[in-house]
């Protein structure tokens, strides 16, 4: 079992996950949900001593309004910061958006206004420090992390075109300084399993003391950017161990964890080899999630023998495509493509399929939702057959 550092103390990771209901982003609802969550793990005092320097790490991917469900809702961070302040902590909220400054993203997302009444400050990640990971020997994460006693990870529950879901472990990728993110996509290339191992390494290096995933208004479909669809789930989940938390949420959403890259990466790296039954899940949310829509690129290769999937890779691989009617040639995608596979045309950007590594940074960052997923015919046929098979299995005999 691993350990995590909390306010100068080494405390063992808990295998408990708590899922509770949160009907709205109203202050009373959010505060009550957070209080119930911390109570399951000994209360907020178990993590934060008076005078502790606490960093809240939300998802502040880009400048979108809260109703778009792209970023962590400011009401959750505001309520958490208020609780931490009452516990005597000094609070900062930090992230490293790949596009635009943290200040501008915080203003657009409503985070700046929410924090103004809590006394919390914004902490931009601008400088890196080098750490040694299990898989990657030379990781670089935000040096600002060294200035805090406690890190609380507050992720947004949403889909992710490359990694299927963004949950607690994936949210810590924000600890990579914005300008360095494309380089890590390039280093992992088309290998999603390798990228997942990098995410595991970053999470372990950042050492969050507590993890919260807010899904009051979640995102399904072709997330994590503007093409995703907001969906009201009305839940909030928490845990000390993000790997257990992510796996419990997979089950809650009806996602086979064997198709979730971070779970497989953690298992291969020896970080989490538990059976799902070994994770204690306390769920008083009263929420049943049915038909949660994953990204269009559903990963047909998971259901095929490895050799067959390898041979058919060309015909199984979805790729980003440009919606010319929506593209305004703003240059955001071209400027952040790690392999420079995108050029600016006169009416729309052009993606070079031969160079594309399918990291979907372009789709994630496009402010106009002008980049979609183009699925090969074989994938569409396979997905249709799978849906029909599921209907047959559910039909009464």
Protein backbone atom coordinates (compact mmCIF):
# COMPACT_ATOMS: atom_id res chain seq x y z
CA UNK A 1 0.00 0.00 0.00
CA UNK A 2 1.24 3.45 -0.85
CA UNK A 3 1.44 6.49 1.37
CA UNK A 4 0.65 10.12 0.83
CA UNK A 5 2.08 13.11 2.70
CA UNK A 6 -0.50 15.25 4.50
CA UNK A 7 0.53 18.37 6.47
CA UNK A 8 3.89 16.87 7.26
CA UNK A 9 2.40 13.51 8.30
CA UNK A 10 2.64 10.24 6.41
CA UNK A 11 -0.80 8.65 6.43
CA UNK A 12 -1.74 5.39 4.66
CA UNK A 13 -3.99 5.59 1.63
CA UNK A 14 -7.58 4.60 2.32
CA UNK A 15 -9.29 2.14 0.00
CA UNK A 16 -12.66 3.73 0.71
CA UNK A 17 -14.53 5.76 -1.91
CA UNK A 18 -17.50 7.92 -0.99
CA UNK A 19 -20.17 8.96 -3.51
CA UNK A 20 -22.89 11.36 -2.44
CA UNK A 21 -25.69 13.34 -4.02
CA UNK A 22 -25.47 17.05 -4.75
CA UNK A 23 -28.67 18.34 -6.30
CA UNK A 24 -27.40 21.75 -7.35
CA UNK A 25 -24.51 24.21 -7.20
CA UNK A 26 -26.28 26.15 -4.47
CA UNK A 27 -24.03 26.94 -1.52
CA UNK A 28 -26.02 24.82 0.94
CA UNK A 29 -26.06 21.74 -1.32
CA UNK A 30 -22.36 21.88 -2.18
CA UNK A 31 -21.20 22.58 1.37
CA UNK A 32 -23.30 19.73 2.75
CA UNK A 33 -21.94 17.31 0.13
CA UNK A 34 -18.35 18.29 0.92
CA UNK A 35 -18.92 18.02 4.66
CA UNK A 36 -20.38 14.53 4.25
CA UNK A 37 -17.42 13.57 2.09
CA UNK A 38 -14.74 14.71 4.51
CA UNK A 39 -16.64 13.15 7.43
CA UNK A 40 -16.19 9.72 5.82
CA UNK A 41 -12.41 10.16 6.15
CA UNK A 42 -12.14 11.67 9.61
CA UNK A 43 -13.17 15.23 8.84
CA UNK A 44 -11.28 18.05 7.17
CA UNK A 45 -9.07 18.31 10.27
CA UNK A 46 -7.58 14.92 9.38
CA UNK A 47 -5.97 16.56 6.35
CA UNK A 48 -5.41 20.18 7.25
CA UNK A 49 -3.72 21.63 10.30
CA UNK A 50 -4.17 25.25 11.33
CA UNK A 51 -1.67 27.35 9.39
CA UNK A 52 -1.22 24.72 6.67
CA UNK A 53 -0.57 25.96 3.13
CA UNK A 54 -3.18 24.29 0.93
CA UNK A 55 -3.33 24.17 -2.85
CA UNK A 56 -6.66 23.40 -4.49
CA UNK A 57 -6.07 21.93 -7.96
CA UNK A 58 -9.26 22.22 -10.05
CA UNK A 59 -9.69 21.62 -13.76
CA UNK A 60 -9.23 25.00 -15.46
CA UNK A 61 -8.60 23.70 -18.96
CA UNK A 62 -9.84 26.71 -20.89
CA UNK A 63 -12.00 29.84 -20.77
CA UNK A 64 -15.50 28.37 -20.81
CA UNK A 65 -18.54 29.35 -18.78
CA UNK A 66 -19.50 26.91 -15.98
CA UNK A 67 -22.62 25.71 -17.82
CA UNK A 68 -20.39 24.20 -20.53
CA UNK A 69 -19.16 21.60 -18.00
CA UNK A 70 -15.59 21.89 -19.29
CA UNK A 71 -14.07 23.09 -16.00
CA UNK A 72 -14.54 22.47 -12.30
CA UNK A 73 -17.51 24.51 -11.17
CA UNK A 74 -16.50 27.58 -9.12
CA UNK A 75 -19.21 26.87 -6.54
CA UNK A 76 -17.40 23.68 -5.50
CA UNK A 77 -14.03 25.40 -5.17
CA UNK A 78 -15.62 28.32 -3.31
CA UNK A 79 -17.30 26.03 -0.78
CA UNK A 80 -14.11 24.02 -0.30
CA UNK A 81 -12.00 27.16 0.15
CA UNK A 82 -14.47 28.47 2.73
CA UNK A 83 -14.21 25.22 4.70
CA UNK A 84 -10.42 25.28 4.52
CA UNK A 85 -10.34 28.88 5.68
CA UNK A 86 -12.50 27.96 8.66
CA UNK A 87 -9.99 25.20 9.48
CA UNK A 88 -7.24 27.82 9.61
CA UNK A 89 -5.52 27.11 6.29
CA UNK A 90 -3.84 29.46 3.86
CA UNK A 91 -5.34 28.72 0.45
CA UNK A 92 -4.32 29.01 -3.19
CA UNK A 93 -5.99 27.72 -6.34
CA UNK A 94 -3.60 26.60 -9.05
CA UNK A 95 -3.56 25.16 -12.54
CA UNK A 96 -1.80 25.68 -15.86
CA UNK A 97 -4.17 26.17 -18.81
CA UNK A 98 -2.51 25.34 -22.15
CA UNK A 99 -4.17 28.37 -23.78
CA UNK A 100 -4.43 31.85 -22.23
CA UNK A 101 -3.32 32.86 -18.75
CA UNK A 102 -4.67 31.39 -15.54
CA UNK A 103 -6.08 34.81 -14.61
CA UNK A 104 -8.09 35.14 -17.82
CA UNK A 105 -9.38 31.57 -17.61
CA UNK A 106 -10.31 32.09 -13.95
CA UNK A 107 -12.29 35.19 -14.87
CA UNK A 108 -14.22 33.55 -17.73
CA UNK A 109 -15.03 30.41 -15.72
CA UNK A 110 -16.30 32.39 -12.74
CA UNK A 111 -13.47 31.14 -10.54
CA UNK A 112 -12.03 34.61 -9.92
CA UNK A 113 -15.31 36.00 -8.60
CA UNK A 114 -15.89 32.91 -6.46
CA UNK A 115 -12.47 33.14 -4.83
CA UNK A 116 -12.74 36.87 -4.12
CA UNK A 117 -14.97 36.21 -1.12
CA UNK A 118 -12.80 33.42 0.29
CA UNK A 119 -9.43 35.14 0.45
CA UNK A 120 -7.84 32.42 -1.68
CA UNK A 121 -5.25 33.49 -4.24
CA UNK A 122 -4.54 32.23 -7.73
CA UNK A 123 -1.30 30.34 -8.22
CA UNK A 124 -0.13 29.97 -11.82
CA UNK A 125 2.23 27.14 -12.69
CA UNK A 126 5.02 28.79 -14.68
CA UNK A 127 8.22 27.02 -13.61
CA UNK A 128 8.99 23.31 -13.67
CA UNK A 129 10.95 20.99 -11.45
CA UNK A 130 12.35 17.62 -12.44
CA UNK A 131 11.18 14.48 -10.62
CA UNK A 132 11.78 10.78 -11.12
CA UNK A 133 8.80 8.62 -12.00
CA UNK A 134 8.35 4.86 -12.17
CA UNK A 135 7.95 4.78 -15.94
CA UNK A 136 9.46 8.15 -16.89
CA UNK A 137 12.76 8.92 -15.25
CA UNK A 138 12.72 12.63 -16.07
CA UNK A 139 9.29 14.06 -15.39
CA UNK A 140 8.76 17.78 -15.13
CA UNK A 141 5.92 19.14 -12.99
CA UNK A 142 5.10 22.52 -11.47
CA UNK A 143 7.77 23.72 -9.05
CA UNK A 144 5.06 25.66 -7.20
CA UNK A 145 3.89 22.41 -5.61
CA UNK A 146 6.84 22.60 -3.24
CA UNK A 147 5.31 25.65 -1.61
CA UNK A 148 2.33 23.76 -0.17
CA UNK A 149 1.77 21.31 2.67
CA UNK A 150 -1.43 19.87 1.24
CA UNK A 151 -2.76 19.46 -2.30
CA UNK A 152 -6.48 18.83 -2.77
CA UNK A 153 -7.38 17.58 -6.24
CA UNK A 154 -10.82 18.74 -7.47
CA UNK A 155 -11.53 17.17 -10.85
CA UNK A 156 -14.45 17.56 -13.25
CA UNK A 157 -16.28 14.39 -14.24
CA UNK A 158 -16.16 14.38 -18.02
CA UNK A 159 -15.30 12.33 -21.05
CA UNK A 160 -12.00 12.57 -22.88
CA UNK A 161 -11.53 11.68 -26.54
CA UNK A 162 -8.01 10.32 -26.07
CA UNK A 163 -8.26 8.71 -22.60
CA UNK A 164 -12.03 8.01 -22.49
CA UNK A 165 -12.58 9.76 -19.15
CA UNK A 166 -11.10 12.62 -17.16
CA UNK A 167 -11.35 11.78 -13.49
CA UNK A 168 -9.05 12.23 -10.48
CA UNK A 169 -5.77 10.81 -11.83
CA UNK A 170 -6.04 12.56 -15.20
CA UNK A 171 -6.78 15.93 -13.58
CA UNK A 172 -3.24 16.11 -12.20
CA UNK A 173 -1.88 16.48 -15.74
CA UNK A 174 -2.62 20.14 -15.07
CA UNK A 175 0.50 20.12 -12.87
CA UNK A 176 2.54 20.05 -16.06
CA UNK A 177 3.34 23.64 -17.01
CA UNK A 178 1.13 24.64 -19.96
CA UNK A 179 3.89 25.16 -22.51
CA UNK A 180 5.28 21.69 -21.71
CA UNK A 181 2.04 19.76 -22.28
CA UNK A 182 2.45 19.37 -26.08
CA UNK A 183 5.93 17.95 -25.53
CA UNK A 184 4.53 15.19 -23.33
CA UNK A 185 1.87 14.37 -25.88
CA UNK A 186 4.65 14.11 -28.44
CA UNK A 187 6.75 11.90 -26.18
CA UNK A 188 3.88 9.46 -25.68
CA UNK A 189 2.94 9.64 -29.37
CA UNK A 190 0.07 7.43 -30.50
CA UNK A 191 0.55 5.05 -27.57
CA UNK A 192 -2.33 5.78 -25.22
CA UNK A 193 -1.10 3.18 -22.76
CA UNK A 194 2.22 5.01 -22.49
CA UNK A 195 0.40 8.31 -22.02
CA UNK A 196 -1.66 6.72 -19.24
CA UNK A 197 1.54 5.60 -17.50
CA UNK A 198 2.79 9.16 -17.69
CA UNK A 199 -0.45 10.32 -16.02
CA UNK A 200 0.08 7.78 -13.24
CA UNK A 201 3.64 9.03 -12.73
CA UNK A 202 2.51 12.66 -12.56
CA UNK A 203 -0.21 11.84 -10.03
CA UNK A 204 2.26 10.01 -7.80
CA UNK A 205 4.77 12.86 -8.06
CA UNK A 206 2.19 15.55 -7.23
CA UNK A 207 0.99 13.62 -4.13
CA UNK A 208 -2.50 15.04 -3.61
CA UNK A 209 -3.76 14.43 -0.09
CA UNK A 210 -7.44 14.23 -0.99
CA UNK A 211 -9.33 13.81 -4.24
CA UNK A 212 -12.75 15.11 -5.20
CA UNK A 213 -14.54 14.52 -8.51
CA UNK A 214 -17.51 16.80 -9.07
CA UNK A 215 -20.24 15.59 -11.37
CA UNK A 216 -23.17 17.76 -10.40
CA UNK A 217 -23.13 18.86 -14.03
CA UNK A 218 -20.87 16.38 -15.80
CA UNK A 219 -19.88 16.00 -19.44
CA UNK A 220 -20.55 13.08 -21.75
CA UNK A 221 -20.00 12.50 -25.46
CA UNK A 222 -17.02 13.91 -27.30
CA UNK A 223 -15.29 15.70 -24.42
CA UNK A 224 -13.24 17.14 -22.86
CA UNK A 225 -13.69 20.41 -24.79
CA UNK A 226 -16.55 22.32 -26.32
CA UNK A 227 -17.89 19.35 -28.34
CA UNK A 228 -18.84 17.47 -25.17
CA UNK A 229 -22.43 17.52 -23.91
CA UNK A 230 -23.27 18.70 -20.38
CA UNK A 231 -25.29 16.16 -18.43
CA UNK A 232 -26.80 16.57 -14.99
CA UNK A 233 -25.71 13.70 -12.75
CA UNK A 234 -26.10 15.35 -9.35
CA UNK A 235 -23.23 13.60 -7.63
CA UNK A 236 -19.89 14.25 -5.97
CA UNK A 237 -17.28 11.57 -5.22
CA UNK A 238 -14.26 11.65 -2.93
CA UNK A 239 -11.39 9.54 -1.68
CA UNK A 240 -7.80 9.57 -0.49
CA UNK A 241 -6.78 7.08 -3.18
CA UNK A 242 -7.47 8.44 -6.68
CA UNK A 243 -6.98 5.03 -8.29
CA UNK A 244 -9.76 3.54 -6.16
CA UNK A 245 -11.89 6.64 -6.79
CA UNK A 246 -11.54 6.42 -10.57
CA UNK A 247 -12.36 2.72 -10.60
CA UNK A 248 -15.44 3.21 -8.44
CA UNK A 249 -16.64 5.96 -10.79
CA UNK A 250 -16.11 3.73 -13.81
CA UNK A 251 -18.47 1.24 -12.23
CA UNK A 252 -20.93 4.00 -11.33
CA UNK A 253 -20.97 5.22 -14.93
CA UNK A 254 -21.28 1.73 -16.37
CA UNK A 255 -17.81 1.84 -17.94
CA UNK A 256 -15.82 -1.39 -18.11
CA UNK A 257 -12.63 -0.51 -16.24
CA UNK A 258 -10.69 -2.86 -18.54
CA UNK A 259 -11.19 -0.24 -21.25
CA UNK A 260 -9.94 2.60 -19.04
CA UNK A 261 -6.28 3.21 -19.82
CA UNK A 262 -5.25 4.59 -16.42
CA UNK A 263 -6.53 1.48 -14.62
CA UNK A 264 -4.47 -0.77 -16.86
CA UNK A 265 -1.42 1.46 -16.55
CA UNK A 266 -1.60 1.45 -12.74
CA UNK A 267 -1.88 -2.32 -12.75
CA UNK A 268 1.09 -2.81 -15.08
CA UNK A 269 3.19 -0.39 -13.04
CA UNK A 270 2.43 -2.21 -9.80
CA UNK A 271 0.64 0.80 -8.35
CA UNK A 272 -2.84 -0.72 -8.09
CA UNK A 273 -3.34 -4.46 -8.51
CA UNK A 274 -6.38 -4.77 -6.26
CA UNK A 275 -9.56 -6.52 -7.21
CA UNK A 276 -12.46 -4.12 -7.55
CA UNK A 277 -14.16 -5.99 -4.70
CA UNK A 278 -11.34 -4.89 -2.38
CA UNK A 279 -12.35 -1.23 -2.72
CA UNK A 280 -14.98 -0.12 -0.21
CA UNK A 281 -17.53 2.07 -1.95
CA UNK A 282 -20.02 3.97 0.19
CA UNK A 283 -22.70 5.35 -2.10
CA UNK A 284 -25.56 7.32 -0.59
CA UNK A 285 -26.12 9.46 -3.68
CA UNK A 286 -29.39 7.87 -4.70
CA UNK A 287 -28.24 8.49 -8.28
CA UNK A 288 -28.52 5.81 -10.97
CA UNK A 289 -26.55 6.55 -14.14
CA UNK A 290 -27.84 4.92 -17.31
CA UNK A 291 -26.63 5.31 -20.86
CA UNK A 292 -23.64 7.51 -20.08
CA UNK A 293 -22.23 8.36 -23.51
CA UNK A 294 -18.51 7.85 -23.98
CA UNK A 295 -16.55 9.59 -26.76
CA UNK A 296 -17.18 8.63 -30.37
CA UNK A 297 -13.80 6.93 -30.54
CA UNK A 298 -14.94 4.05 -28.37
CA UNK A 299 -11.83 1.93 -28.88
CA UNK A 300 -13.08 -1.07 -30.79
CA UNK A 301 -9.66 -2.67 -30.35
CA UNK A 302 -10.52 -3.47 -26.72
CA UNK A 303 -13.01 -6.10 -27.84
CA UNK A 304 -10.69 -7.77 -30.35
CA UNK A 305 -7.74 -10.13 -29.86
CA UNK A 306 -4.50 -8.09 -29.72
CA UNK A 307 -3.07 -9.56 -32.94
CA UNK A 308 -6.28 -8.87 -34.87
CA UNK A 309 -6.47 -5.34 -33.47
CA UNK A 310 -2.87 -4.70 -34.54
CA UNK A 311 -3.46 -5.95 -38.07
CA UNK A 312 -6.64 -3.89 -38.42
CA UNK A 313 -5.30 -0.80 -36.66
CA UNK A 314 -5.48 1.37 -39.77
CA UNK A 315 -9.16 0.60 -40.21
CA UNK A 316 -9.98 0.86 -36.50
CA UNK A 317 -8.38 4.23 -35.83
CA UNK A 318 -10.53 7.34 -35.51
CA UNK A 319 -8.96 10.67 -36.36
CA UNK A 320 -9.75 14.35 -35.83
CA UNK A 321 -11.49 16.12 -38.69
CA UNK A 322 -12.32 19.78 -39.27
CA UNK A 323 -15.89 21.07 -39.46
CA UNK A 324 -15.30 23.75 -42.09
CA UNK A 325 -18.60 25.47 -41.31
CA UNK A 326 -17.47 26.19 -37.75
CA UNK A 327 -13.74 26.79 -38.18
CA UNK A 328 -12.72 30.46 -37.95
CA UNK A 329 -8.98 29.77 -38.46
CA UNK A 330 -8.13 31.22 -35.04
CA UNK A 331 -4.85 29.28 -34.95
CA UNK A 332 -5.27 27.79 -31.47
CA UNK A 333 -5.12 24.19 -32.70
CA UNK A 334 -2.20 24.81 -35.05
CA UNK A 335 -0.27 26.60 -32.35
CA UNK A 336 -0.63 23.75 -29.85
CA UNK A 337 -0.34 20.65 -32.06
CA UNK A 338 2.67 18.76 -30.62
CA UNK A 339 3.67 17.36 -34.03
CA UNK A 340 2.79 20.42 -36.13
CA UNK A 341 0.28 18.41 -38.14
CA UNK A 342 -2.11 21.35 -38.54
CA UNK A 343 -1.74 24.24 -40.95
CA UNK A 344 -3.95 27.27 -41.46
CA UNK A 345 -5.83 27.37 -44.74
CA UNK A 346 -7.80 30.26 -46.16
CA UNK A 347 -11.22 28.97 -45.01
CA UNK A 348 -10.32 26.32 -42.41
CA UNK A 349 -7.34 24.57 -40.87
CA UNK A 350 -5.98 21.43 -42.51
CA UNK A 351 -4.91 18.31 -40.56
CA UNK A 352 -2.20 16.06 -41.98
CA UNK A 353 -3.36 12.51 -41.11
CA UNK A 354 0.12 11.12 -41.73
CA UNK A 355 1.62 13.22 -38.96
CA UNK A 356 -1.33 13.26 -36.54
CA UNK A 357 -0.72 11.28 -33.33
CA UNK A 358 -4.40 11.40 -32.27
CA UNK A 359 -3.81 13.18 -28.98
CA UNK A 360 -6.93 15.29 -29.71
CA UNK A 361 -5.34 18.43 -28.27
CA UNK A 362 -6.87 20.27 -31.22
CA UNK A 363 -10.37 19.08 -30.35
CA UNK A 364 -9.80 19.72 -26.66
CA UNK A 365 -8.69 23.31 -27.14
CA UNK A 366 -10.81 24.47 -30.09
CA UNK A 367 -13.00 27.32 -28.78
CA UNK A 368 -15.48 26.92 -31.65
CA UNK A 369 -16.06 23.15 -31.33
CA UNK A 370 -14.94 22.94 -34.96
CA UNK A 371 -12.95 19.71 -34.69
CA UNK A 372 -14.78 16.41 -34.47
CA UNK A 373 -13.89 12.73 -34.59
CA UNK A 374 -14.00 10.94 -37.93
CA UNK A 375 -14.60 7.24 -37.43
CA UNK A 376 -13.58 4.64 -40.04
CA UNK A 377 -16.34 2.52 -41.54
CA UNK A 378 -15.15 -0.63 -39.75
CA UNK A 379 -15.46 1.07 -36.37
CA UNK A 380 -18.97 2.29 -37.19
CA UNK A 381 -20.01 -1.21 -38.25
CA UNK A 382 -18.44 -2.76 -35.16
CA UNK A 383 -20.15 -0.24 -32.85
CA UNK A 384 -23.54 -0.90 -34.48
CA UNK A 385 -23.09 -4.67 -34.08
CA UNK A 386 -22.16 -4.22 -30.42
CA UNK A 387 -25.26 -2.09 -29.74
CA UNK A 388 -27.49 -4.66 -31.44
CA UNK A 389 -25.89 -7.47 -29.42
CA UNK A 390 -26.53 -5.61 -26.18
CA UNK A 391 -30.18 -5.13 -27.11
CA UNK A 392 -30.50 -8.84 -27.85
CA UNK A 393 -28.96 -9.75 -24.48
CA UNK A 394 -31.31 -7.38 -22.61
CA UNK A 395 -34.42 -8.61 -24.44
CA UNK A 396 -36.70 -10.90 -22.37
CA UNK A 397 -36.45 -14.55 -23.29
